[in-house]
Every structure is written in structure tokens, then in C-alpha cells.
Amino acid sequence: MLKRFFDSLTFRLFFLLVATVAATYFALNEIWEWLSITALACFFALQLIRRLYKRNAKKIAFMFDAIDNADYAFKYATSGSFSNDKLVNNSLNRITKILFQAKADAVQKEKYYELIMDSITTGIIVIDDNGYIYQSNNEALRLLGLSIFTHAKQLRRIDEKLENILMNIQPGDKQQITFTNERGVVHLSIRVSEMTLREKHVRIMAINDINSELDDKEIDSWIRLTRVLTHEIMNSITPITSLSDTLISIHGDANTEIRNGLEVISTTGKSLISFVESYRKFTHIPEPHPSLFYVKKFAKRMVQLATHHNNFPNIKVIMSVEPDDLIVYADENLISQVVLNLLKNAMQAIGHEQPDGLIEVKACCNEEETVFIEVSNNGPAIPLEEAEHIFIPFFTTKERGSGIGLSISRQIMRLSGGSITLKSNPAIQQTTFTLTFP
């Protein structure tokens, strides 16, 4: 206890005060021998105070060194210390605790913001002027088809135009780009803002997938056009067909040439009316009434129906559903039209001549519980120039096709809140249509 008292600031200040008073007294009374002794005592007291100051300064320096190295485990002893040392140590321990808590709060907030970023449906990329990526969320990686994104140069293997846009787009700009990856044709919209982060200028890019937006606008345009065309055609053809039937019934005794001509007009008109009625299906799809149903049971029924109505003994159909109890929330009747149409198209694409025809029906879900149903076949791959137009109404590659099957399928998936995409790979001779149910 006595040693701690001599080491305390109180004793050293008291000792300095006493030595200073004594030195002053001896100086006033011209007692030079004792004056020199008390002067040395004053110098010694100052040295003691200086040593105490250096010791506390070392404590502070050590504390900041430890904080720089992210070491918050140290703690200064407070028990057994004299009151002044105890006060200093308690204060330093409190500062350490405050800084540790501030860092913990910052880390927690960073994780919170990262969680928010990974939960949104907009891709976020933070990039500096040299192309280095400071941060990117999961949606950005998904949209770009990357697992790790550290530099803009990685985009060269996807599309050089995409790399150029990310490097050169300026704050306030908005651009759109289209490229092809394993997900098919991708349409992206990019908006940019800027800020200074850690004394560096960075750009923050918001990336959105506008495939669905473009599809919606395109489908709406086709629906309006189809309605106008079918209405005008029906208004023109129906009177002609009706009039020809009336003339046939009234002038049954007309010569053979005239009668045959009227019958041709009537038959052609009725065929055209039937043709137009098929296109009306595209614009009058019933409103979906969704319910939960098991995908495995559904897929098995679709395969049985398709193989029963389409005679292709050379084609093998295999099915894979994981997990076995996978379910979908959609209108089962409408989705069955889509799947049956895809199976029929797959069988027709393979044809009767290919001896090893194979159709695969796969269903699975991801971590976000998005359900995917894939229908693949090993028939001739669809050329890229045709794949871009495959979902457009009236477009067909078949000799007697109407060009509305896939258009109706896309419309059904759109009304069901899902999507349908095509992936054709000529290298391995495989064509895959994927139905997505979010």
C-alpha cells in the first residue's frame, strides 16, 4: 500500500509542492546549501511526474495500437491501484469498451444492409474508376451470370459491350443492353449514381431485368393487333360465307360451274373463319384460378396424355421431379395446355426418323422456393435467328403450323405470374423450354 502511495500522482504533486516551498524559503533567506538540496528535490519530483505522464501515455498508445489491430480483449487492471491510476485505467477501459461497441454496431449495420441488398430484386454494383468492384449483391451476380465479381474485365467473356458500358457509363445516365448467356436472351436496364467512398470516387449501378417488362409490352401490342385483325376479317368473311350459302340454297338448279364456285367460296370462307377463331384464343385466355397441385403427379399425367395422342414409338420420355412432394401454385388446367404443347412440339421436332429420340421432363426448386419445369428434347436445335422470334404470334417453322401455340403458352405463363424461356444448344443438339413459377 505504501509503495502504491509513493507511485501515485498525489504524492508526487505533494512532494513537488513541499520542495518548491522549501526552495523558495531557503532562497529568500539566502541559505544556499539547503537551497541546492531543495532544488534537486524539485527536479526529482518533476522527473517523477514526467515518468508518470510517460507511463499513462504508453497506456494510451498501447490501447490505440491494439484497436488498430482489432484487438479489444485487453483490459487495464483497476483492482489494487491507487485512486488516480484507477481513474485513468477505468477511463481507458471505458474508451475501449465504447470503441468496441461502436465497431460491433457498425459490423451489425453492415450485415443488415447487406441482407437488405441481397433481398431486393434490383442488382447493385459499386465500382471505382479503374473497374474494381467494391460490392455487388446476389441479384447482380444472378443477372450477369457470375458467381464472383471482382473486376469489370470479367464481363468480357459474357459480352464486351457490357464491359464497355460498365466502364464508361456516367452518373445520371440510363442505358439498356441485350446479351445472351446460359439463361437465354437477357435485357438489362442500368442506372448510375456516384459518391466518394474512403476517399475514392465510385459509381453505384442499379441493374434491372426488363425481360418481363418488354414481354408484357410486346404481348399487349400483339393482343391489340390480333383483336383488330380478327374483328376486321370476321366482319368481312362472315357476310361472304353467309351470302354464298344463301345463293346455293336459292339457286340449287344453277349450272354446275356456278354451284361449284359458290361452294368453294363457302368452304374457303368457313376455313378462314375457323383459322381466325384459333387466333382469338390468344386474346381470350380465361382468367387463371390457381390452386396447389403436386408436380410429379401432374407431369406423369402430361407425359401419358402426350404419348397417347402422338404416335412416336421411336421417342423415349423420361421424367425427374425433385423433391417428390414438389408443389406448384397455379391453374392446373391452363398449365397443362402449356406442357402438352411443349411435349407435342418436342415430339414433332424429333420426328419419326430419329431412332434415339429423347424427351426429358425435369422439375425442381431453388432456395427461394421458385419452381422450374423443363421440357428438353434432342431433336434439331432451333437456329438463333428463329429462337428470337419463337414466341411471337403468327411465327412458325412448321409447314402447317398456326404460330399461336407458344404465344398462348407465354400468355398463360404471364397471366400465372411466371415465365417461359427457351435455351437451344446446337453443339449438343438439345432444346430446352423452362417454365418458371416464382
Protein backbone atom coordinates (compact mmCIF):
# COMPACT_ATOMS: atom_id res chain seq x y z
CA MET A 1 0.00 0.00 0.00
CA LEU A 2 2.86 2.38 0.90
CA LYS A 3 4.59 1.69 -2.45
CA ARG A 4 1.36 2.43 -4.33
CA PHE A 5 1.04 5.71 -2.40
CA PHE A 6 4.61 6.76 -3.38
CA ASP A 7 3.79 5.87 -7.01
CA SER A 8 0.61 7.95 -7.01
CA LEU A 9 0.19 11.34 -8.64
CA THR A 10 -0.99 12.81 -5.31
CA PHE A 11 2.30 12.03 -3.56
CA ARG A 12 4.38 13.36 -6.45
CA LEU A 13 2.46 16.64 -6.60
CA PHE A 14 2.67 16.96 -2.82
CA PHE A 15 6.39 16.25 -2.90
CA LEU A 16 6.88 18.87 -5.65
CA LEU A 17 4.85 21.41 -3.69
CA VAL A 18 6.84 20.86 -0.49
CA ALA A 19 10.18 21.01 -2.31
CA THR A 20 9.13 24.19 -4.14
CA VAL A 21 8.01 25.91 -0.89
CA ALA A 22 11.24 24.87 0.87
CA ALA A 23 13.38 26.06 -2.02
CA THR A 24 11.57 29.38 -2.02
CA TYR A 25 12.08 29.76 1.74
CA PHE A 26 15.81 28.96 1.55
CA ALA A 27 16.24 31.31 -1.40
CA LEU A 28 14.58 34.20 0.44
CA ASN A 29 16.73 33.57 3.49
CA GLU A 30 19.86 33.03 1.42
CA ILE A 31 20.51 29.60 2.85
CA TRP A 32 22.35 28.37 -0.25
CA GLU A 33 23.31 24.91 0.92
CA TRP A 34 19.72 23.85 1.62
CA LEU A 35 18.54 25.72 -1.47
CA SER A 36 20.62 23.45 -3.70
CA ILE A 37 19.25 20.38 -1.93
CA THR A 38 15.62 21.50 -2.29
CA ALA A 39 16.23 22.45 -5.93
CA LEU A 40 17.41 18.91 -6.60
CA ALA A 41 14.31 17.68 -4.77
CA CYS A 42 12.11 19.81 -7.09
CA PHE A 43 13.91 18.39 -10.14
CA PHE A 44 13.45 14.86 -8.81
CA ALA A 45 9.72 15.50 -8.21
CA LEU A 46 9.32 16.80 -11.76
CA GLN A 47 11.04 13.66 -13.07
CA LEU A 48 8.63 11.50 -11.07
CA ILE A 49 5.65 13.36 -12.57
CA ARG A 50 7.19 13.08 -16.06
CA ARG A 51 7.63 9.33 -15.61
CA LEU A 52 4.00 9.02 -14.53
CA TYR A 53 2.92 11.01 -17.61
CA LYS A 54 5.01 8.79 -19.92
CA ARG A 55 3.55 5.67 -18.30
CA ASN A 56 -0.01 6.87 -18.92
CA ALA A 57 0.92 7.99 -22.45
CA LYS A 58 2.25 4.49 -23.14
CA LYS A 59 -1.02 3.04 -21.89
CA ILE A 60 -2.97 5.21 -24.36
CA ALA A 61 -0.57 4.40 -27.21
CA PHE A 62 -0.86 0.68 -26.45
CA MET A 63 -4.64 0.97 -26.40
CA PHE A 64 -4.76 2.61 -29.86
CA ASP A 65 -2.26 0.08 -31.27
CA ALA A 66 -4.47 -2.74 -30.04
CA ILE A 67 -7.56 -1.07 -31.55
CA ASP A 68 -5.76 -0.66 -34.89
CA ASN A 69 -5.14 -4.41 -34.82
CA ALA A 70 -8.80 -5.09 -33.94
CA ASP A 71 -7.79 -6.40 -30.52
CA TYR A 72 -10.37 -5.46 -27.93
CA ALA A 73 -9.62 -8.26 -25.48
CA PHE A 74 -7.10 -6.34 -23.38
CA LYS A 75 -8.09 -4.62 -20.13
CA TYR A 76 -6.17 -2.46 -17.68
CA ALA A 77 -6.12 -3.57 -14.05
CA THR A 78 -8.22 -1.48 -11.71
CA SER A 79 -8.13 -3.50 -8.51
CA GLY A 80 -5.25 -2.72 -6.16
CA SER A 81 -4.43 0.55 -7.90
CA PHE A 82 -4.27 3.92 -6.22
CA SER A 83 -7.21 6.25 -6.88
CA ASN A 84 -5.52 8.27 -9.65
CA ASP A 85 -4.22 5.22 -11.54
CA LYS A 86 -7.55 3.52 -11.03
CA LEU A 87 -9.35 6.51 -12.55
CA VAL A 88 -7.02 6.51 -15.59
CA ASN A 89 -7.35 2.75 -16.09
CA ASN A 90 -11.12 2.86 -15.72
CA SER A 91 -11.32 5.69 -18.25
CA LEU A 92 -9.15 3.82 -20.77
CA ASN A 93 -11.18 0.64 -20.28
CA ARG A 94 -14.36 2.62 -20.85
CA ILE A 95 -12.97 4.16 -24.06
CA THR A 96 -12.04 0.68 -25.27
CA LYS A 97 -15.50 -0.61 -24.49
CA ILE A 98 -17.16 2.29 -26.32
CA LEU A 99 -14.98 1.82 -29.40
CA PHE A 100 -15.59 -1.94 -29.37
CA GLN A 101 -19.34 -1.40 -29.15
CA ALA A 102 -19.18 1.18 -31.97
CA LYS A 103 -17.34 -1.30 -34.18
CA ALA A 104 -19.77 -4.09 -33.30
CA ASP A 105 -22.69 -1.80 -34.18
CA ALA A 106 -21.02 -0.87 -37.49
CA VAL A 107 -20.49 -4.55 -38.37
CA GLN A 108 -24.09 -5.34 -37.45
CA LYS A 109 -25.37 -2.46 -39.57
CA GLU A 110 -23.17 -3.57 -42.47
CA LYS A 111 -24.60 -7.10 -42.27
CA TYR A 112 -28.09 -5.61 -42.03
CA TYR A 113 -27.58 -3.51 -45.17
CA GLU A 114 -26.02 -6.48 -46.99
CA LEU A 115 -29.06 -8.57 -46.09
CA ILE A 116 -31.34 -5.85 -47.46
CA MET A 117 -29.26 -5.61 -50.65
CA ASP A 118 -29.42 -9.37 -51.16
CA SER A 119 -33.18 -9.36 -50.62
CA ILE A 120 -34.10 -6.79 -53.26
CA THR A 121 -34.84 -7.63 -56.90
CA THR A 122 -32.52 -4.92 -58.22
CA GLY A 123 -28.88 -5.70 -58.89
CA ILE A 124 -26.46 -3.33 -57.13
CA ILE A 125 -22.82 -2.87 -58.16
CA VAL A 126 -20.34 -0.43 -56.59
CA ILE A 127 -17.40 0.11 -58.97
CA ASP A 128 -14.43 2.50 -58.92
CA ASP A 129 -12.95 4.38 -61.90
CA ASN A 130 -10.41 1.58 -62.51
CA GLY A 131 -13.07 -1.09 -62.85
CA TYR A 132 -12.59 -2.73 -59.44
CA ILE A 133 -15.80 -3.93 -57.77
CA TYR A 134 -16.24 -2.78 -54.19
CA GLN A 135 -19.55 -4.53 -53.65
CA SER A 136 -22.21 -6.47 -55.56
CA ASN A 137 -25.36 -8.18 -54.33
CA ASN A 138 -26.72 -11.61 -55.22
CA GLU A 139 -29.21 -10.24 -57.76
CA ALA A 140 -26.42 -8.52 -59.71
CA LEU A 141 -24.45 -11.76 -59.84
CA ARG A 142 -27.55 -13.64 -61.00
CA LEU A 143 -28.38 -11.13 -63.72
CA LEU A 144 -24.81 -11.15 -65.04
CA GLY A 145 -24.41 -14.91 -64.69
CA LEU A 146 -21.37 -14.67 -62.40
CA SER A 147 -20.53 -16.42 -59.13
CA ILE A 148 -17.75 -13.98 -58.14
CA PHE A 149 -17.39 -10.43 -59.45
CA THR A 150 -14.18 -8.52 -58.66
CA HIS A 151 -13.40 -6.55 -61.84
CA ALA A 152 -15.25 -5.33 -64.91
CA LYS A 153 -12.87 -7.32 -67.15
CA GLN A 154 -14.71 -10.48 -66.11
CA LEU A 155 -17.61 -9.34 -68.29
CA ARG A 156 -15.58 -9.80 -71.50
CA ARG A 157 -16.40 -13.48 -71.64
CA ILE A 158 -20.11 -12.61 -71.48
CA ASP A 159 -20.28 -9.58 -73.76
CA GLU A 160 -17.66 -6.90 -74.48
CA LYS A 161 -20.39 -4.27 -74.84
CA LEU A 162 -21.43 -4.96 -71.26
CA GLU A 163 -17.88 -4.31 -70.03
CA ASN A 164 -17.66 -1.07 -72.03
CA ILE A 165 -20.96 0.16 -70.62
CA LEU A 166 -19.96 -0.52 -67.01
CA MET A 167 -16.62 1.22 -67.52
CA ASN A 168 -17.93 4.27 -69.38
CA ILE A 169 -21.48 4.91 -68.19
CA GLN A 170 -21.68 8.19 -66.26
CA PRO A 171 -23.74 9.22 -63.22
CA GLY A 172 -27.26 10.20 -64.20
CA ASP A 173 -27.19 8.07 -67.35
CA LYS A 174 -29.63 5.25 -68.11
CA GLN A 175 -28.78 2.58 -70.65
CA GLN A 176 -30.19 -0.71 -71.86
CA ILE A 177 -28.23 -3.69 -73.11
CA THR A 178 -29.13 -7.08 -74.53
CA PHE A 179 -26.86 -10.13 -74.43
CA THR A 180 -27.11 -13.92 -74.37
CA ASN A 181 -25.96 -16.22 -71.58
CA GLU A 182 -26.97 -19.61 -70.19
CA ARG A 183 -30.35 -18.14 -69.18
CA GLY A 184 -31.08 -17.13 -72.78
CA VAL A 185 -31.55 -13.60 -74.06
CA VAL A 186 -31.20 -11.05 -71.25
CA HIS A 187 -32.38 -7.44 -71.40
CA LEU A 188 -30.94 -5.18 -68.69
CA SER A 189 -31.56 -1.58 -67.71
CA ILE A 190 -28.71 0.24 -65.93
CA ARG A 191 -28.94 3.46 -63.87
CA VAL A 192 -25.93 5.15 -62.26
CA SER A 193 -25.27 7.47 -59.32
CA GLU A 194 -21.98 8.42 -57.66
CA MET A 195 -20.37 9.09 -54.28
CA THR A 196 -16.99 9.24 -52.55
CA LEU A 197 -16.18 6.12 -50.55
CA ARG A 198 -12.99 6.01 -48.45
CA GLU A 199 -11.60 8.98 -50.37
CA LYS A 200 -12.24 7.25 -53.71
CA HIS A 201 -14.76 8.15 -56.37
CA VAL A 202 -17.15 5.26 -57.00
CA ARG A 203 -20.25 4.74 -59.11
CA ILE A 204 -23.30 2.89 -57.82
CA MET A 205 -25.13 0.98 -60.55
CA ALA A 206 -28.71 -0.25 -60.26
CA ILE A 207 -29.40 -3.09 -62.70
CA ASN A 208 -32.89 -4.36 -63.51
CA ASP A 209 -34.06 -7.24 -65.65
CA ILE A 210 -36.58 -5.75 -68.09
CA ASN A 211 -37.34 -9.01 -69.93
CA SER A 212 -40.76 -9.26 -68.32
CA GLU A 213 -41.46 -5.57 -68.93
CA LEU A 214 -40.59 -5.91 -72.62
CA ASP A 215 -42.56 -9.15 -72.86
CA ASP A 216 -45.62 -7.51 -71.32
CA LYS A 217 -45.49 -4.59 -73.75
CA GLU A 218 -44.90 -6.91 -76.70
CA ILE A 219 -47.75 -9.24 -75.74
CA ASP A 220 -50.13 -6.35 -75.18
CA SER A 221 -49.26 -4.97 -78.61
CA TRP A 222 -49.84 -8.33 -80.27
CA ILE A 223 -53.13 -8.80 -78.44
CA ARG A 224 -54.41 -5.42 -79.60
CA LEU A 225 -53.25 -6.10 -83.17
CA THR A 226 -54.78 -9.59 -83.21
CA ARG A 227 -58.10 -8.32 -81.91
CA VAL A 228 -58.26 -5.67 -84.62
CA LEU A 229 -57.30 -8.12 -87.38
CA THR A 230 -59.67 -10.87 -86.29
CA HIS A 231 -62.51 -8.40 -85.89
CA GLU A 232 -62.00 -6.94 -89.37
CA ILE A 233 -61.52 -10.34 -91.01
CA MET A 234 -64.61 -11.77 -89.34
CA ASN A 235 -66.68 -8.74 -90.37
CA SER A 236 -65.58 -9.24 -93.98
CA ILE A 237 -65.69 -13.03 -94.28
CA THR A 238 -68.89 -13.83 -92.38
CA PRO A 239 -71.22 -11.99 -94.83
CA ILE A 240 -69.47 -13.59 -97.82
CA THR A 241 -69.87 -17.10 -96.37
CA SER A 242 -73.47 -16.46 -95.40
CA LEU A 243 -74.30 -14.99 -98.81
CA SER A 244 -72.72 -17.90 -100.68
CA ASP A 245 -74.70 -20.43 -98.61
CA THR A 246 -77.88 -18.47 -99.29
CA LEU A 247 -77.23 -18.39 -103.04
CA ILE A 248 -76.57 -22.14 -103.08
CA SER A 249 -79.86 -22.83 -101.31
CA ILE A 250 -81.86 -20.43 -103.50
CA HIS A 251 -80.30 -21.38 -106.83
CA GLY A 252 -79.90 -25.08 -106.34
CA ASP A 253 -80.69 -25.62 -110.01
CA ALA A 254 -77.84 -23.38 -111.21
CA ASN A 255 -75.32 -24.88 -113.57
CA THR A 256 -72.52 -26.98 -112.12
CA GLU A 257 -69.79 -24.38 -112.62
CA ILE A 258 -71.63 -21.66 -110.71
CA ARG A 259 -72.65 -24.04 -107.94
CA ASN A 260 -69.11 -25.35 -107.56
CA GLY A 261 -67.80 -21.78 -107.43
CA LEU A 262 -70.27 -20.87 -104.67
CA GLU A 263 -69.36 -23.99 -102.70
CA VAL A 264 -65.64 -23.14 -102.99
CA ILE A 265 -66.35 -19.62 -101.71
CA SER A 266 -68.40 -21.01 -98.82
CA THR A 267 -65.84 -23.67 -97.88
CA THR A 268 -62.92 -21.23 -98.10
CA GLY A 269 -64.79 -18.68 -96.02
CA LYS A 270 -65.61 -21.22 -93.32
CA SER A 271 -61.99 -22.40 -93.25
CA LEU A 272 -60.82 -18.82 -92.87
CA ILE A 273 -63.35 -18.25 -90.06
CA SER A 274 -62.06 -21.37 -88.30
CA PHE A 275 -58.50 -20.11 -88.80
CA VAL A 276 -59.36 -16.71 -87.30
CA GLU A 277 -61.16 -18.35 -84.38
CA SER A 278 -57.94 -20.16 -83.48
CA TYR A 279 -56.19 -16.78 -83.16
CA ARG A 280 -58.96 -15.47 -80.95
CA LYS A 281 -57.80 -17.97 -78.35
CA PHE A 282 -54.63 -15.90 -77.99
CA THR A 283 -56.62 -12.82 -76.96
CA HIS A 284 -59.27 -14.55 -74.86
CA ILE A 285 -57.38 -16.75 -72.43
CA PRO A 286 -59.55 -17.31 -69.33
CA GLU A 287 -58.51 -15.80 -66.03
CA PRO A 288 -56.36 -18.27 -64.05
CA HIS A 289 -57.81 -19.86 -60.92
CA PRO A 290 -54.67 -21.04 -59.11
CA SER A 291 -54.51 -23.88 -56.62
CA LEU A 292 -51.83 -26.12 -55.17
CA PHE A 293 -51.05 -29.34 -57.03
CA TYR A 294 -48.27 -31.91 -56.96
CA VAL A 295 -45.83 -31.56 -59.84
CA LYS A 296 -44.86 -35.24 -60.03
CA LYS A 297 -48.42 -36.46 -60.43
CA PHE A 298 -49.14 -33.64 -62.89
CA ALA A 299 -46.04 -34.33 -65.01
CA LYS A 300 -46.77 -38.05 -65.14
CA ARG A 301 -50.30 -37.35 -66.39
CA MET A 302 -48.99 -34.92 -69.04
CA VAL A 303 -46.47 -37.48 -70.35
CA GLN A 304 -49.17 -40.15 -70.58
CA LEU A 305 -51.53 -37.84 -72.48
CA ALA A 306 -48.82 -36.65 -74.88
CA THR A 307 -47.59 -40.16 -75.72
CA HIS A 308 -51.15 -41.42 -76.14
CA HIS A 309 -52.22 -38.69 -78.58
CA ASN A 310 -48.92 -38.57 -80.51
CA ASN A 311 -47.70 -41.80 -82.05
CA PHE A 312 -43.90 -41.65 -81.88
CA PRO A 313 -42.64 -45.11 -80.85
CA ASN A 314 -39.04 -44.06 -81.53
CA ILE A 315 -39.12 -41.42 -78.77
CA LYS A 316 -38.35 -42.17 -75.12
CA VAL A 317 -39.72 -39.84 -72.46
CA ILE A 318 -38.03 -39.73 -69.04
CA MET A 319 -39.20 -37.74 -66.05
CA SER A 320 -37.40 -36.40 -62.98
CA VAL A 321 -39.07 -34.46 -60.13
CA GLU A 322 -37.15 -33.40 -57.02
CA PRO A 323 -38.32 -33.44 -54.33
CA ASP A 324 -41.11 -35.99 -54.76
CA ASP A 325 -43.60 -33.76 -52.95
CA LEU A 326 -42.83 -30.65 -55.05
CA ILE A 327 -45.92 -28.48 -55.43
CA VAL A 328 -46.90 -25.51 -57.60
CA TYR A 329 -49.48 -22.80 -57.02
CA ALA A 330 -51.07 -22.19 -60.42
CA ASP A 331 -54.08 -23.00 -62.61
CA GLU A 332 -53.50 -26.69 -63.36
CA ASN A 333 -55.78 -26.71 -66.42
CA LEU A 334 -54.02 -23.78 -68.06
CA ILE A 335 -50.53 -25.06 -67.24
CA SER A 336 -51.48 -28.45 -68.68
CA GLN A 337 -52.12 -26.72 -72.03
CA VAL A 338 -48.60 -25.28 -71.90
CA VAL A 339 -46.86 -28.54 -71.00
CA LEU A 340 -48.85 -30.59 -73.51
CA ASN A 341 -47.98 -28.09 -76.24
CA LEU A 342 -44.27 -28.28 -75.34
CA LEU A 343 -44.34 -32.09 -75.35
CA LYS A 344 -46.14 -32.17 -78.70
CA ASN A 345 -43.64 -29.69 -80.20
CA ALA A 346 -40.74 -31.74 -78.84
CA MET A 347 -42.08 -34.92 -80.43
CA GLN A 348 -42.67 -33.19 -83.75
CA ALA A 349 -39.16 -31.68 -83.65
CA ILE A 350 -37.60 -35.13 -83.23
CA GLY A 351 -39.90 -36.73 -85.81
CA HIS A 352 -40.25 -40.39 -86.79
CA GLU A 353 -36.88 -40.76 -88.49
CA GLN A 354 -34.59 -40.18 -85.48
CA PRO A 355 -34.16 -43.62 -83.83
CA ASP A 356 -32.85 -42.44 -80.47
CA GLY A 357 -35.35 -39.66 -79.78
CA LEU A 358 -35.32 -38.49 -76.17
CA ILE A 359 -37.52 -36.07 -74.25
CA GLU A 360 -36.69 -35.13 -70.64
CA VAL A 361 -39.19 -33.58 -68.24
CA LYS A 362 -37.46 -32.19 -65.15
CA ALA A 363 -38.86 -30.28 -62.20
CA CYS A 364 -37.08 -28.79 -59.20
CA CYS A 365 -36.96 -25.73 -56.96
CA ASN A 366 -34.23 -23.44 -55.64
CA GLU A 367 -33.56 -21.99 -52.19
CA GLU A 368 -36.10 -19.20 -52.80
CA GLU A 369 -38.74 -21.91 -53.49
CA THR A 370 -39.00 -20.88 -57.15
CA VAL A 371 -40.23 -23.91 -59.10
CA PHE A 372 -38.79 -24.80 -62.52
CA ILE A 373 -40.28 -27.26 -65.02
CA GLU A 374 -38.05 -28.07 -68.00
CA VAL A 375 -39.02 -29.88 -71.20
CA SER A 376 -35.94 -30.83 -73.25
CA ASN A 377 -35.52 -32.80 -76.46
CA ASN A 378 -32.57 -33.97 -78.56
CA GLY A 379 -34.12 -33.02 -81.89
CA PRO A 380 -32.58 -30.46 -84.25
CA ALA A 381 -31.66 -27.28 -82.36
CA ILE A 382 -33.59 -24.12 -83.15
CA PRO A 383 -31.38 -21.62 -85.03
CA LEU A 384 -30.62 -18.40 -83.17
CA GLU A 385 -32.36 -16.22 -85.76
CA GLU A 386 -35.56 -18.28 -85.28
CA ALA A 387 -35.23 -18.58 -81.50
CA GLU A 388 -35.51 -14.79 -81.17
CA HIS A 389 -39.00 -14.88 -82.74
CA ILE A 390 -40.28 -18.21 -81.44
CA PHE A 391 -42.82 -16.66 -79.04
CA ILE A 392 -44.18 -14.08 -81.49
CA PRO A 393 -47.78 -14.70 -82.64
CA PHE A 394 -48.15 -15.98 -86.24
CA PHE A 395 -44.46 -17.01 -86.36
CA THR A 396 -43.96 -20.71 -87.09
CA THR A 397 -41.30 -23.01 -88.53
CA LYS A 398 -43.80 -25.78 -89.34
CA GLU A 399 -45.37 -26.21 -92.75
CA ARG A 400 -48.89 -26.35 -91.34
CA GLY A 401 -48.32 -24.54 -88.08
CA SER A 402 -50.56 -21.71 -86.90
CA GLY A 403 -47.89 -19.91 -84.90
CA ILE A 404 -50.01 -19.45 -81.79
CA GLY A 405 -49.06 -22.44 -79.60
CA LEU A 406 -46.00 -20.91 -77.95
CA SER A 407 -47.60 -17.44 -77.99
CA ILE A 408 -50.54 -18.80 -75.99
CA SER A 409 -48.12 -20.64 -73.70
CA ARG A 410 -46.24 -17.43 -72.96
CA GLN A 411 -49.51 -15.58 -72.38
CA ILE A 412 -50.67 -18.27 -69.94
CA MET A 413 -47.39 -18.14 -68.03
CA ARG A 414 -47.57 -14.36 -67.95
CA LEU A 415 -51.12 -14.43 -66.52
CA SER A 416 -49.94 -17.04 -63.99
CA GLY A 417 -47.19 -14.73 -62.75
CA GLY A 418 -44.44 -16.91 -64.23
CA SER A 419 -42.39 -17.03 -67.41
CA ILE A 420 -41.32 -19.35 -70.21
CA THR A 421 -37.84 -19.24 -71.75
CA LEU A 422 -36.02 -21.10 -74.50
CA LYS A 423 -32.45 -22.38 -74.44
CA SER A 424 -31.23 -24.01 -77.64
CA ASN A 425 -27.74 -25.52 -77.82
CA PRO A 426 -26.73 -26.67 -81.33
CA ALA A 427 -23.39 -28.01 -80.02
CA ILE A 428 -25.06 -30.83 -78.07
CA GLN A 429 -28.28 -30.88 -80.12
CA GLN A 430 -30.61 -30.00 -77.26
CA THR A 431 -33.57 -27.65 -77.00
CA THR A 432 -34.98 -26.79 -73.58
CA PHE A 433 -38.08 -24.81 -72.63
CA THR A 434 -38.19 -23.74 -68.99
CA LEU A 435 -41.34 -22.78 -67.08
CA THR A 436 -40.65 -20.65 -64.01
CA PHE A 437 -43.14 -20.30 -61.14
CA PRO A 438 -41.95 -17.71 -58.55
